[in-house]
């Protein structure tokens, strides 16, 4: 699902189903290749930003033998922390670059 918010901003959403069959709608933020894997960052689209559980959701992207993209959680806490930290650097670099362009 994609919604056009004008030429400068387009929001992309994906609905995922967890192992219990519960559906979640996520807003796509960015993709990063790191340590031989591809990771996608999302924010919960159906959760209030003030909710204590609100925050960045990182899922590993895997392409199966049919060419379909599958998303899986990162079970290793150390790997998740490492990937999260690299996403923060990437996201803040993009934000800093936008600020510099706006100042011109």
PDB file of N, CA and C in Angstrom:
ATOM      1  N   UNK A   1       0.855  -1.170   0.000  1.00  0.00           N
ATOM      2  CA  UNK A   1       0.000   0.000   0.000  1.00  0.00           C
ATOM      3  C   UNK A   1       0.899   1.230   0.000  1.00  0.00           C
ATOM      4  N   UNK A   2       0.607   2.139  -0.831  1.00  0.00           N
ATOM      5  CA  UNK A   2       1.417   3.342  -0.929  1.00  0.00           C
ATOM      6  C   UNK A   2       0.488   4.538  -1.022  1.00  0.00           C
ATOM      7  N   UNK A   3       0.802   5.570  -0.282  1.00  0.00           N
ATOM      8  CA  UNK A   3       0.008   6.786  -0.331  1.00  0.00           C
ATOM      9  C   UNK A   3       0.912   7.920  -0.778  1.00  0.00           C
ATOM     10  N   UNK A   4       0.433   8.747  -1.700  1.00  0.00           N
ATOM     11  CA  UNK A   4       1.212   9.861  -2.199  1.00  0.00           C
ATOM     12  C   UNK A   4       0.869  11.102  -1.386  1.00  0.00           C
ATOM     13  N   UNK A   5       1.863  11.663  -0.734  1.00  0.00           N
ATOM     14  CA  UNK A   5       1.684  12.861   0.076  1.00  0.00           C
ATOM     15  C   UNK A   5       2.343  14.056  -0.587  1.00  0.00           C
ATOM     16  N   UNK A   6       2.417  14.031  -1.880  1.00  0.00           N
ATOM     17  CA  UNK A   6       3.076  15.126  -2.579  1.00  0.00           C
ATOM     18  C   UNK A   6       4.409  14.671  -3.122  1.00  0.00           C
ATOM     19  N   UNK A   7       5.034  15.543  -3.843  1.00  0.00           N
ATOM     20  CA  UNK A   7       6.258  15.204  -4.539  1.00  0.00           C
ATOM     21  C   UNK A   7       7.423  14.939  -3.597  1.00  0.00           C
ATOM     22  N   UNK A   8       7.437  15.552  -2.418  1.00  0.00           N
ATOM     23  CA  UNK A   8       8.578  15.403  -1.516  1.00  0.00           C
ATOM     24  C   UNK A   8       8.425  14.277  -0.496  1.00  0.00           C
ATOM     25  N   UNK A   9       7.217  13.703  -0.378  1.00  0.00           N
ATOM     26  CA  UNK A   9       7.031  12.710   0.670  1.00  0.00           C
ATOM     27  C   UNK A   9       6.046  11.649   0.203  1.00  0.00           C
ATOM     28  N   UNK A  10       6.466  10.419   0.254  1.00  0.00           N
ATOM     29  CA  UNK A  10       5.577   9.309  -0.061  1.00  0.00           C
ATOM     30  C   UNK A  10       5.716   8.279   1.045  1.00  0.00           C
ATOM     31  N   UNK A  11       4.607   7.922   1.661  1.00  0.00           N
ATOM     32  CA  UNK A  11       4.621   6.933   2.727  1.00  0.00           C
ATOM     33  C   UNK A  11       4.319   5.565   2.142  1.00  0.00           C
ATOM     34  N   UNK A  12       5.067   4.557   2.567  1.00  0.00           N
ATOM     35  CA  UNK A  12       4.863   3.180   2.135  1.00  0.00           C
ATOM     36  C   UNK A  12       4.519   2.348   3.353  1.00  0.00           C
ATOM     37  N   UNK A  13       3.488   1.538   3.213  1.00  0.00           N
ATOM     38  CA  UNK A  13       3.028   0.721   4.320  1.00  0.00           C
ATOM     39  C   UNK A  13       3.022  -0.740   3.915  1.00  0.00           C
ATOM     40  N   UNK A  14       3.236  -1.586   4.906  1.00  0.00           N
ATOM     41  CA  UNK A  14       3.184  -3.023   4.705  1.00  0.00           C
ATOM     42  C   UNK A  14       2.429  -3.615   5.886  1.00  0.00           C
ATOM     43  N   UNK A  15       1.636  -4.632   5.611  1.00  0.00           N
ATOM     44  CA  UNK A  15       0.945  -5.351   6.674  1.00  0.00           C
ATOM     45  C   UNK A  15       1.637  -6.691   6.843  1.00  0.00           C
ATOM     46  N   UNK A  16       2.032  -6.990   8.075  1.00  0.00           N
ATOM     47  CA  UNK A  16       2.669  -8.274   8.355  1.00  0.00           C
ATOM     48  C   UNK A  16       1.798  -9.045   9.331  1.00  0.00           C
ATOM     49  N   UNK A  17       1.972 -10.358   9.330  1.00  0.00           N
ATOM     50  CA  UNK A  17       1.237 -11.237  10.234  1.00  0.00           C
ATOM     51  C   UNK A  17       2.265 -11.979  11.064  1.00  0.00           C
ATOM     52  N   UNK A  18       2.130 -11.909  12.403  1.00  0.00           N
ATOM     53  CA  UNK A  18       3.079 -12.606  13.264  1.00  0.00           C
ATOM     54  C   UNK A  18       2.705 -14.086  13.382  1.00  0.00           C
ATOM     55  N   UNK A  19       3.489 -14.827  14.160  1.00  0.00           N
ATOM     56  CA  UNK A  19       3.281 -16.265  14.315  1.00  0.00           C
ATOM     57  C   UNK A  19       1.931 -16.606  14.945  1.00  0.00           C
ATOM     58  N   UNK A  20       1.346 -15.657  15.679  1.00  0.00           N
ATOM     59  CA  UNK A  20       0.047 -15.881  16.315  1.00  0.00           C
ATOM     60  C   UNK A  20      -1.123 -15.499  15.417  1.00  0.00           C
ATOM     61  N   UNK A  21      -0.829 -15.008  14.195  1.00  0.00           N
ATOM     62  CA  UNK A  21      -1.876 -14.612  13.271  1.00  0.00           C
ATOM     63  C   UNK A  21      -2.349 -13.177  13.437  1.00  0.00           C
ATOM     64  N   UNK A  22      -1.672 -12.400  14.294  1.00  0.00           N
ATOM     65  CA  UNK A  22      -2.033 -11.000  14.497  1.00  0.00           C
ATOM     66  C   UNK A  22      -1.424 -10.143  13.398  1.00  0.00           C
ATOM     67  N   UNK A  23      -2.251  -9.269  12.801  1.00  0.00           N
ATOM     68  CA  UNK A  23      -1.773  -8.382  11.747  1.00  0.00           C
ATOM     69  C   UNK A  23      -1.289  -7.060  12.327  1.00  0.00           C
ATOM     70  N   UNK A  24      -0.201  -6.548  11.750  1.00  0.00           N
ATOM     71  CA  UNK A  24       0.362  -5.264  12.127  1.00  0.00           C
ATOM     72  C   UNK A  24       0.617  -4.461  10.860  1.00  0.00           C
ATOM     73  N   UNK A  25       0.273  -3.188  10.900  1.00  0.00           N
ATOM     74  CA  UNK A  25       0.589  -2.314   9.783  1.00  0.00           C
ATOM     75  C   UNK A  25       1.826  -1.511  10.154  1.00  0.00           C
ATOM     76  N   UNK A  26       2.813  -1.538   9.263  1.00  0.00           N
ATOM     77  CA  UNK A  26       4.076  -0.858   9.502  1.00  0.00           C
ATOM     78  C   UNK A  26       4.339   0.153   8.401  1.00  0.00           C
ATOM     79  N   UNK A  27       4.938   1.277   8.791  1.00  0.00           N
ATOM     80  CA  UNK A  27       5.360   2.285   7.830  1.00  0.00           C
ATOM     81  C   UNK A  27       6.839   2.065   7.524  1.00  0.00           C
ATOM     82  N   UNK A  28       7.142   1.868   6.248  1.00  0.00           N
ATOM     83  CA  UNK A  28       8.516   1.648   5.813  1.00  0.00           C
ATOM     84  C   UNK A  28       9.328   2.933   5.987  1.00  0.00           C
ATOM     85  N   UNK A  29      10.524   2.802   6.577  1.00  0.00           N
ATOM     86  CA  UNK A  29      11.411   3.944   6.789  1.00  0.00           C
ATOM     87  C   UNK A  29      12.617   3.885   5.851  1.00  0.00           C
ATOM     88  N   UNK A  30      13.348   2.762   5.860  1.00  0.00           N
ATOM     89  CA  UNK A  30      14.569   2.676   5.059  1.00  0.00           C
ATOM     90  C   UNK A  30      15.045   1.229   4.972  1.00  0.00           C
ATOM     91  N   UNK A  31      15.976   0.991   4.046  1.00  0.00           N
ATOM     92  CA  UNK A  31      16.619  -0.311   3.876  1.00  0.00           C
ATOM     93  C   UNK A  31      18.118  -0.118   3.971  1.00  0.00           C
ATOM     94  N   UNK A  32      18.777  -1.115   4.556  1.00  0.00           N
ATOM     95  CA  UNK A  32      20.221  -1.040   4.714  1.00  0.00           C
ATOM     96  C   UNK A  32      20.814  -2.427   4.476  1.00  0.00           C
ATOM     97  N   UNK A  33      21.881  -2.489   3.690  1.00  0.00           N
ATOM     98  CA  UNK A  33      22.663  -3.712   3.546  1.00  0.00           C
ATOM     99  C   UNK A  33      23.795  -3.638   4.562  1.00  0.00           C
ATOM    100  N   UNK A  34      23.917  -4.699   5.364  1.00  0.00           N
ATOM    101  CA  UNK A  34      24.918  -4.690   6.426  1.00  0.00           C
ATOM    102  C   UNK A  34      25.324  -6.124   6.735  1.00  0.00           C
ATOM    103  N   UNK A  35      26.620  -6.379   6.779  1.00  0.00           N
ATOM    104  CA  UNK A  35      27.168  -7.697   7.101  1.00  0.00           C
ATOM    105  C   UNK A  35      26.564  -8.814   6.258  1.00  0.00           C
ATOM    106  N   UNK A  36      26.363  -8.550   4.977  1.00  0.00           N
ATOM    107  CA  UNK A  36      25.878  -9.577   4.066  1.00  0.00           C
ATOM    108  C   UNK A  36      24.382  -9.814   4.092  1.00  0.00           C
ATOM    109  N   UNK A  37      23.641  -9.027   4.846  1.00  0.00           N
ATOM    110  CA  UNK A  37      22.186  -9.163   4.908  1.00  0.00           C
ATOM    111  C   UNK A  37      21.535  -7.826   4.590  1.00  0.00           C
ATOM    112  N   UNK A  38      20.266  -7.896   4.218  1.00  0.00           N
ATOM    113  CA  UNK A  38      19.479  -6.690   3.973  1.00  0.00           C
ATOM    114  C   UNK A  38      18.474  -6.546   5.095  1.00  0.00           C
ATOM    115  N   UNK A  39      18.406  -5.342   5.656  1.00  0.00           N
ATOM    116  CA  UNK A  39      17.502  -5.070   6.770  1.00  0.00           C
ATOM    117  C   UNK A  39      16.582  -3.913   6.397  1.00  0.00           C
ATOM    118  N   UNK A  40      15.335  -4.015   6.808  1.00  0.00           N
ATOM    119  CA  UNK A  40      14.355  -2.952   6.611  1.00  0.00           C
ATOM    120  C   UNK A  40      13.969  -2.385   7.961  1.00  0.00           C
ATOM    121  N   UNK A  41      13.814  -1.073   8.015  1.00  0.00           N
ATOM    122  CA  UNK A  41      13.377  -0.399   9.241  1.00  0.00           C
ATOM    123  C   UNK A  41      11.952   0.101   9.032  1.00  0.00           C
ATOM    124  N   UNK A  42      11.133  -0.085  10.053  1.00  0.00           N
ATOM    125  CA  UNK A  42       9.723   0.313  10.023  1.00  0.00           C
ATOM    126  C   UNK A  42       9.351   0.991  11.328  1.00  0.00           C
ATOM    127  N   UNK A  43       8.248   1.726  11.295  1.00  0.00           N
ATOM    128  CA  UNK A  43       7.603   2.240  12.497  1.00  0.00           C
ATOM    129  C   UNK A  43       6.175   1.711  12.508  1.00  0.00           C
ATOM    130  N   UNK A  44       5.641   1.409  13.687  1.00  0.00           N
ATOM    131  CA  UNK A  44       4.259   0.931  13.760  1.00  0.00           C
ATOM    132  C   UNK A  44       3.299   2.023  13.280  1.00  0.00           C
ATOM    133  N   UNK A  45       2.465   1.695  12.303  1.00  0.00           N
ATOM    134  CA  UNK A  45       1.530   2.671  11.755  1.00  0.00           C
ATOM    135  C   UNK A  45       0.239   2.719  12.558  1.00  0.00           C
ATOM    136  N   UNK A  46      -0.031   1.664  13.298  1.00  0.00           N
ATOM    137  CA  UNK A  46      -1.290   1.575  14.024  1.00  0.00           C
ATOM    138  C   UNK A  46      -1.093   1.679  15.538  1.00  0.00           C
ATOM    139  N   UNK A  47      -0.060   2.402  15.936  1.00  0.00           N
ATOM    140  CA  UNK A  47       0.248   2.561  17.355  1.00  0.00           C
ATOM    141  C   UNK A  47       0.524   4.028  17.644  1.00  0.00           C
ATOM    142  N   UNK A  48       0.056   4.510  18.768  1.00  0.00           N
ATOM    143  CA  UNK A  48       0.295   5.891  19.183  1.00  0.00           C
ATOM    144  C   UNK A  48       1.779   6.089  19.491  1.00  0.00           C
ATOM    145  N   UNK A  49       2.323   7.210  19.042  1.00  0.00           N
ATOM    146  CA  UNK A  49       3.736   7.501  19.274  1.00  0.00           C
ATOM    147  C   UNK A  49       4.090   7.602  20.751  1.00  0.00           C
ATOM    148  N   UNK A  50       3.117   7.857  21.607  1.00  0.00           N
ATOM    149  CA  UNK A  50       3.368   7.955  23.042  1.00  0.00           C
ATOM    150  C   UNK A  50       3.314   6.610  23.747  1.00  0.00           C
ATOM    151  N   UNK A  51       2.940   5.559  23.034  1.00  0.00           N
ATOM    152  CA  UNK A  51       2.901   4.213  23.598  1.00  0.00           C
ATOM    153  C   UNK A  51       4.326   3.799  23.949  1.00  0.00           C
ATOM    154  N   UNK A  52       4.552   3.228  25.127  1.00  0.00           N
ATOM    155  CA  UNK A  52       5.921   2.833  25.510  1.00  0.00           C
ATOM    156  C   UNK A  52       6.530   1.766  24.597  1.00  0.00           C
ATOM    157  N   UNK A  53       5.704   1.016  23.868  1.00  0.00           N
ATOM    158  CA  UNK A  53       6.212  -0.009  22.955  1.00  0.00           C
ATOM    159  C   UNK A  53       6.500   0.534  21.555  1.00  0.00           C
ATOM    160  N   UNK A  54       6.187   1.819  21.321  1.00  0.00           N
ATOM    161  CA  UNK A  54       6.406   2.428  20.006  1.00  0.00           C
ATOM    162  C   UNK A  54       7.899   2.593  19.780  1.00  0.00           C
ATOM    163  N   UNK A  55       8.357   2.245  18.597  1.00  0.00           N
ATOM    164  CA  UNK A  55       9.761   2.436  18.263  1.00  0.00           C
ATOM    165  C   UNK A  55      10.102   1.750  16.966  1.00  0.00           C
ATOM    166  N   UNK A  56      11.340   1.874  16.565  1.00  0.00           N
ATOM    167  CA  UNK A  56      11.822   1.319  15.318  1.00  0.00           C
ATOM    168  C   UNK A  56      11.740  -0.207  15.348  1.00  0.00           C
ATOM    169  N   UNK A  57      11.209  -0.776  14.279  1.00  0.00           N
ATOM    170  CA  UNK A  57      11.140  -2.227  14.114  1.00  0.00           C
ATOM    171  C   UNK A  57      12.061  -2.581  12.958  1.00  0.00           C
ATOM    172  N   UNK A  58      13.003  -3.473  13.215  1.00  0.00           N
ATOM    173  CA  UNK A  58      13.965  -3.868  12.187  1.00  0.00           C
ATOM    174  C   UNK A  58      13.728  -5.337  11.853  1.00  0.00           C
ATOM    175  N   UNK A  59      13.563  -5.609  10.563  1.00  0.00           N
ATOM    176  CA  UNK A  59      13.346  -6.968  10.086  1.00  0.00           C
ATOM    177  C   UNK A  59      14.357  -7.283   8.996  1.00  0.00           C
ATOM    178  N   UNK A  60      14.825  -8.530   8.988  1.00  0.00           N
ATOM    179  CA  UNK A  60      15.751  -8.980   7.956  1.00  0.00           C
ATOM    180  C   UNK A  60      14.931  -9.350   6.718  1.00  0.00           C
ATOM    181  N   UNK A  61      15.395  -8.931   5.557  1.00  0.00           N
ATOM    182  CA  UNK A  61      14.733  -9.240   4.297  1.00  0.00           C
ATOM    183  C   UNK A  61      15.449 -10.426   3.658  1.00  0.00           C
ATOM    184  N   UNK A  62      14.658 -11.431   3.306  1.00  0.00           N
ATOM    185  CA  UNK A  62      15.199 -12.636   2.677  1.00  0.00           C
ATOM    186  C   UNK A  62      14.410 -12.875   1.397  1.00  0.00           C
ATOM    187  N   UNK A  63      15.095 -13.205   0.322  1.00  0.00           N
ATOM    188  CA  UNK A  63      14.435 -13.547  -0.933  1.00  0.00           C
ATOM    189  C   UNK A  63      14.407 -15.077  -1.023  1.00  0.00           C
ATOM    190  N   UNK A  64      13.183 -15.642  -1.122  1.00  0.00           N
ATOM    191  CA  UNK A  64      13.074 -17.097  -1.179  1.00  0.00           C
ATOM    192  C   UNK A  64      13.316 -17.598  -2.598  1.00  0.00           C
ATOM    193  N   UNK A  65      13.250 -18.913  -2.776  1.00  0.00           N
ATOM    194  CA  UNK A  65      13.555 -19.523  -4.069  1.00  0.00           C
ATOM    195  C   UNK A  65      12.584 -19.100  -5.180  1.00  0.00           C
ATOM    196  N   UNK A  66      11.409 -18.582  -4.816  1.00  0.00           N
ATOM    197  CA  UNK A  66      10.443 -18.099  -5.810  1.00  0.00           C
ATOM    198  C   UNK A  66      10.635 -16.619  -6.132  1.00  0.00           C
ATOM    199  N   UNK A  67      11.609 -15.978  -5.478  1.00  0.00           N
ATOM    200  CA  UNK A  67      11.854 -14.561  -5.700  1.00  0.00           C
ATOM    201  C   UNK A  67      11.002 -13.650  -4.837  1.00  0.00           C
ATOM    202  N   UNK A  68      10.238 -14.241  -3.906  1.00  0.00           N
ATOM    203  CA  UNK A  68       9.398 -13.456  -3.002  1.00  0.00           C
ATOM    204  C   UNK A  68      10.222 -12.966  -1.819  1.00  0.00           C
ATOM    205  N   UNK A  69       9.918 -11.742  -1.374  1.00  0.00           N
ATOM    206  CA  UNK A  69      10.600 -11.200  -0.204  1.00  0.00           C
ATOM    207  C   UNK A  69       9.899 -11.675   1.065  1.00  0.00           C
ATOM    208  N   UNK A  70      10.678 -12.222   1.981  1.00  0.00           N
ATOM    209  CA  UNK A  70      10.172 -12.631   3.288  1.00  0.00           C
ATOM    210  C   UNK A  70      10.853 -11.767   4.336  1.00  0.00           C
ATOM    211  N   UNK A  71      10.134 -11.433   5.382  1.00  0.00           N
ATOM    212  CA  UNK A  71      10.690 -10.636   6.476  1.00  0.00           C
ATOM    213  C   UNK A  71      10.753 -11.500   7.721  1.00  0.00           C
ATOM    214  N   UNK A  72      11.891 -11.434   8.410  1.00  0.00           N
ATOM    215  CA  UNK A  72      12.030 -12.202   9.642  1.00  0.00           C
ATOM    216  C   UNK A  72      12.621 -11.326  10.725  1.00  0.00           C
ATOM    217  N   UNK A  73      12.261 -11.632  11.953  1.00  0.00           N
ATOM    218  CA  UNK A  73      12.790 -10.883  13.087  1.00  0.00           C
ATOM    219  C   UNK A  73      14.237 -11.286  13.339  1.00  0.00           C
ATOM    220  N   UNK A  74      14.945 -10.441  14.052  1.00  0.00           N
ATOM    221  CA  UNK A  74      16.330 -10.709  14.430  1.00  0.00           C
ATOM    222  C   UNK A  74      16.301 -11.203  15.864  1.00  0.00           C
ATOM    223  N   UNK A  75      16.631 -12.462  16.060  1.00  0.00           N
ATOM    224  CA  UNK A  75      16.509 -13.078  17.374  1.00  0.00           C
ATOM    225  C   UNK A  75      17.715 -12.840  18.275  1.00  0.00           C
ATOM    226  N   UNK A  76      18.868 -12.585  17.691  1.00  0.00           N
ATOM    227  CA  UNK A  76      20.086 -12.370  18.469  1.00  0.00           C
ATOM    228  C   UNK A  76      20.130 -10.916  18.939  1.00  0.00           C
ATOM    229  N   UNK A  77      20.110 -10.703  20.256  1.00  0.00           N
ATOM    230  CA  UNK A  77      20.086  -9.342  20.816  1.00  0.00           C
ATOM    231  C   UNK A  77      21.304  -8.516  20.424  1.00  0.00           C
ATOM    232  N   UNK A  78      22.483  -9.140  20.385  1.00  0.00           N
ATOM    233  CA  UNK A  78      23.696  -8.406  20.009  1.00  0.00           C
ATOM    234  C   UNK A  78      23.631  -7.958  18.546  1.00  0.00           C
ATOM    235  N   UNK A  79      23.154  -8.845  17.666  1.00  0.00           N
ATOM    236  CA  UNK A  79      23.023  -8.485  16.253  1.00  0.00           C
ATOM    237  C   UNK A  79      21.983  -7.373  16.094  1.00  0.00           C
ATOM    238  N   UNK A  80      20.861  -7.493  16.798  1.00  0.00           N
ATOM    239  CA  UNK A  80      19.818  -6.475  16.707  1.00  0.00           C
ATOM    240  C   UNK A  80      20.342  -5.112  17.159  1.00  0.00           C
ATOM    241  N   UNK A  81      21.083  -5.076  18.248  1.00  0.00           N
ATOM    242  CA  UNK A  81      21.659  -3.821  18.737  1.00  0.00           C
ATOM    243  C   UNK A  81      22.628  -3.239  17.720  1.00  0.00           C
ATOM    244  N   UNK A  82      23.469  -4.091  17.143  1.00  0.00           N
ATOM    245  CA  UNK A  82      24.443  -3.642  16.148  1.00  0.00           C
ATOM    246  C   UNK A  82      23.737  -3.066  14.915  1.00  0.00           C
ATOM    247  N   UNK A  83      22.736  -3.771  14.404  1.00  0.00           N
ATOM    248  CA  UNK A  83      21.999  -3.307  13.224  1.00  0.00           C
ATOM    249  C   UNK A  83      21.242  -2.017  13.552  1.00  0.00           C
ATOM    250  N   UNK A  84      20.633  -1.956  14.733  1.00  0.00           N
ATOM    251  CA  UNK A  84      19.917  -0.746  15.162  1.00  0.00           C
ATOM    252  C   UNK A  84      20.864   0.461  15.176  1.00  0.00           C
ATOM    253  N   UNK A  85      22.041   0.291  15.764  1.00  0.00           N
ATOM    254  CA  UNK A  85      23.009   1.391  15.830  1.00  0.00           C
ATOM    255  C   UNK A  85      23.432   1.856  14.438  1.00  0.00           C
ATOM    256  N   UNK A  86      23.618   0.928  13.508  1.00  0.00           N
ATOM    257  CA  UNK A  86      23.981   1.311  12.142  1.00  0.00           C
ATOM    258  C   UNK A  86      22.818   2.005  11.433  1.00  0.00           C
ATOM    259  N   UNK A  87      21.593   1.579  11.712  1.00  0.00           N
ATOM    260  CA  UNK A  87      20.444   2.284  11.148  1.00  0.00           C
ATOM    261  C   UNK A  87      20.380   3.710  11.675  1.00  0.00           C
ATOM    262  N   UNK A  88      20.650   3.912  12.942  1.00  0.00           N
ATOM    263  CA  UNK A  88      20.608   5.256  13.515  1.00  0.00           C
ATOM    264  C   UNK A  88      21.633   6.167  12.843  1.00  0.00           C
ATOM    265  N   UNK A  89      22.823   5.646  12.594  1.00  0.00           N
ATOM    266  CA  UNK A  89      23.843   6.427  11.895  1.00  0.00           C
ATOM    267  C   UNK A  89      23.348   6.778  10.496  1.00  0.00           C
ATOM    268  N   UNK A  90      22.797   5.786   9.793  1.00  0.00           N
ATOM    269  CA  UNK A  90      22.292   6.006   8.437  1.00  0.00           C
ATOM    270  C   UNK A  90      21.161   7.025   8.426  1.00  0.00           C
ATOM    271  N   UNK A  91      20.210   6.889   9.313  1.00  0.00           N
ATOM    272  CA  UNK A  91      19.058   7.784   9.337  1.00  0.00           C
ATOM    273  C   UNK A  91      19.460   9.204   9.722  1.00  0.00           C
ATOM    274  N   UNK A  92      20.363   9.344  10.682  1.00  0.00           N
ATOM    275  CA  UNK A  92      20.795  10.679  11.076  1.00  0.00           C
ATOM    276  C   UNK A  92      21.674  11.329  10.023  1.00  0.00           C
ATOM    277  N   UNK A  93      22.462  10.524   9.268  1.00  0.00           N
ATOM    278  CA  UNK A  93      23.242  11.082   8.158  1.00  0.00           C
ATOM    279  C   UNK A  93      22.310  11.657   7.107  1.00  0.00           C
ATOM    280  N   UNK A  94      21.243  10.903   6.776  1.00  0.00           N
ATOM    281  CA  UNK A  94      20.266  11.390   5.796  1.00  0.00           C
ATOM    282  C   UNK A  94      19.608  12.675   6.285  1.00  0.00           C
ATOM    283  N   UNK A  95      19.277  12.726   7.575  1.00  0.00           N
ATOM    284  CA  UNK A  95      18.643  13.914   8.152  1.00  0.00           C
ATOM    285  C   UNK A  95      19.591  15.110   8.105  1.00  0.00           C
ATOM    286  N   UNK A  96      20.866  14.887   8.425  1.00  0.00           N
ATOM    287  CA  UNK A  96      21.861  15.963   8.391  1.00  0.00           C
ATOM    288  C   UNK A  96      22.046  16.486   6.966  1.00  0.00           C
ATOM    289  N   UNK A  97      22.050  15.570   5.973  1.00  0.00           N
ATOM    290  CA  UNK A  97      22.192  15.984   4.582  1.00  0.00           C
ATOM    291  C   UNK A  97      20.999  16.830   4.149  1.00  0.00           C
ATOM    292  N   UNK A  98      19.788  16.477   4.588  1.00  0.00           N
ATOM    293  CA  UNK A  98      18.598  17.258   4.257  1.00  0.00           C
ATOM    294  C   UNK A  98      18.679  18.648   4.877  1.00  0.00           C
ATOM    295  N   UNK A  99      19.180  18.733   6.115  1.00  0.00           N
ATOM    296  CA  UNK A  99      19.315  20.031   6.778  1.00  0.00           C
ATOM    297  C   UNK A  99      20.298  20.916   6.029  1.00  0.00           C
ATOM    298  N   UNK A 100      21.388  20.350   5.535  1.00  0.00           N
ATOM    299  CA  UNK A 100      22.384  21.128   4.793  1.00  0.00           C
ATOM    300  C   UNK A 100      21.779  21.634   3.496  1.00  0.00           C
ATOM    301  N   UNK A 101      21.019  20.778   2.799  1.00  0.00           N
ATOM    302  CA  UNK A 101      20.382  21.199   1.545  1.00  0.00           C
ATOM    303  C   UNK A 101      19.363  22.303   1.782  1.00  0.00           C
ATOM    304  N   UNK A 102      18.637  22.246   2.891  1.00  0.00           N
ATOM    305  CA  UNK A 102      17.649  23.277   3.209  1.00  0.00           C
ATOM    306  C   UNK A 102      18.313  24.604   3.524  1.00  0.00           C
ATOM    307  N   UNK A 103      19.520  24.566   4.065  1.00  0.00           N
ATOM    308  CA  UNK A 103      20.242  25.791   4.438  1.00  0.00           C
ATOM    309  C   UNK A 103      20.801  26.517   3.211  1.00  0.00           C
ATOM    310  N   UNK A 104      20.854  25.846   2.076  1.00  0.00           N
ATOM    311  CA  UNK A 104      21.430  26.471   0.863  1.00  0.00           C
ATOM    312  C   UNK A 104      20.500  27.472   0.269  1.00  0.00           C
TER     313      UNK A 104
END
